[in-house]
Amino acid sequence: MNLFSAFVVWLIIWWLTLFIILPLGIRGQAEEGDIVEGSEPGAPHTLDIKRKFVQTTIIASVIWLLTCLLIVSGLINWDMLARFFQR
């Protein structure tokens, strides 16, 4: 796996992880009892996006490292995946 492919795999894993992490721990304005006039009551009360990005980066990097280890070790290759999906 070359450097560009490794980066693309990391980026895809990062985005997927971000979409999994984003809704976790979010409380709506209605749940907090502090609805801003003109906004949706279900909108997030507070969204600490920096913390979510850090969490996403750490989790995605661990998943990416495991994925790269599987690919580099030869346990998973394109031929194996092609045969699996042709069934």
Protein backbone atom coordinates (compact mmCIF):
# COMPACT_ATOMS: atom_id res chain seq x y z
CA MET A 1 0.00 0.00 0.00
CA ASN A 2 1.51 3.32 -1.00
CA LEU A 3 1.31 6.52 1.04
CA PHE A 4 -1.54 8.05 -0.97
CA SER A 5 -3.68 4.90 -0.66
CA ALA A 6 -3.03 4.78 3.08
CA PHE A 7 -4.13 8.41 3.40
CA VAL A 8 -7.31 7.81 1.37
CA VAL A 9 -8.20 4.81 3.54
CA TRP A 10 -7.62 6.91 6.68
CA LEU A 11 -9.77 9.74 5.31
CA ILE A 12 -12.67 7.40 4.50
CA ILE A 13 -12.46 5.78 7.94
CA TRP A 14 -12.26 9.25 9.56
CA TRP A 15 -15.45 10.46 7.84
CA LEU A 16 -17.37 7.29 8.67
CA THR A 17 -16.23 7.54 12.29
CA LEU A 18 -17.23 11.22 12.44
CA PHE A 19 -20.78 10.43 11.36
CA ILE A 20 -20.96 7.75 14.06
CA ILE A 21 -19.52 10.03 16.78
CA LEU A 22 -21.51 13.22 16.00
CA PRO A 23 -24.88 12.27 17.53
CA LEU A 24 -23.41 10.65 20.66
CA GLY A 25 -23.99 12.63 23.86
CA ILE A 26 -25.99 15.41 22.19
CA ARG A 27 -28.92 16.82 24.14
CA GLY A 28 -31.55 18.92 22.40
CA GLN A 29 -32.63 22.39 23.45
CA ALA A 30 -36.03 21.06 24.50
CA GLU A 31 -34.39 18.45 26.74
CA GLU A 32 -32.30 21.16 28.41
CA GLY A 33 -35.27 23.52 28.75
CA ASP A 34 -33.37 26.33 27.01
CA ILE A 35 -34.96 26.85 23.58
CA VAL A 36 -33.49 29.71 21.56
CA GLU A 37 -36.30 31.67 19.92
CA GLY A 38 -36.58 30.92 16.21
CA SER A 39 -34.67 27.63 16.36
CA GLU A 40 -35.78 24.02 16.24
CA PRO A 41 -36.41 22.62 19.75
CA GLY A 42 -34.55 19.45 18.76
CA ALA A 43 -31.43 21.40 17.76
CA PRO A 44 -28.36 20.65 19.88
CA HIS A 45 -28.05 22.70 23.06
CA THR A 46 -24.27 22.68 22.88
CA LEU A 47 -22.02 21.03 20.33
CA ASP A 48 -18.36 20.69 21.26
CA ILE A 49 -17.15 20.04 17.72
CA LYS A 50 -13.46 20.29 18.64
CA ARG A 51 -13.84 17.46 21.16
CA LYS A 52 -15.75 15.40 18.58
CA PHE A 53 -12.97 15.93 16.00
CA VAL A 54 -10.31 14.82 18.50
CA GLN A 55 -12.32 11.73 19.45
CA THR A 56 -12.92 10.95 15.78
CA THR A 57 -9.24 11.32 14.92
CA ILE A 58 -8.12 9.01 17.74
CA ILE A 59 -10.70 6.29 17.04
CA ALA A 60 -10.25 6.49 13.25
CA SER A 61 -6.47 6.28 13.60
CA VAL A 62 -6.72 3.09 15.67
CA ILE A 63 -9.15 1.52 13.17
CA TRP A 64 -6.89 2.66 10.30
CA LEU A 65 -3.82 1.14 11.93
CA LEU A 66 -5.59 -2.21 12.34
CA THR A 67 -6.82 -2.04 8.74
CA CYS A 68 -3.32 -1.30 7.43
CA LEU A 69 -1.88 -4.14 9.47
CA LEU A 70 -4.39 -6.55 7.91
CA ILE A 71 -3.61 -5.33 4.40
CA VAL A 72 0.18 -5.25 4.77
CA SER A 73 0.31 -8.64 6.48
CA GLY A 74 -1.52 -10.20 3.53
CA LEU A 75 -4.46 -11.49 5.58
CA ILE A 76 -6.74 -9.43 3.32
CA ASN A 77 -6.09 -8.68 -0.35
CA TRP A 78 -8.15 -7.57 -3.36
CA ASP A 79 -8.40 -11.09 -4.83
CA MET A 80 -9.81 -12.41 -1.58
CA LEU A 81 -12.39 -9.63 -1.43
CA ALA A 82 -13.36 -10.15 -5.09
CA ARG A 83 -13.97 -13.85 -4.50
CA PHE A 84 -16.01 -13.07 -1.38
CA PHE A 85 -18.30 -10.62 -3.16
CA GLN A 86 -18.82 -12.78 -6.25
CA ARG A 87 -20.67 -15.43 -4.27
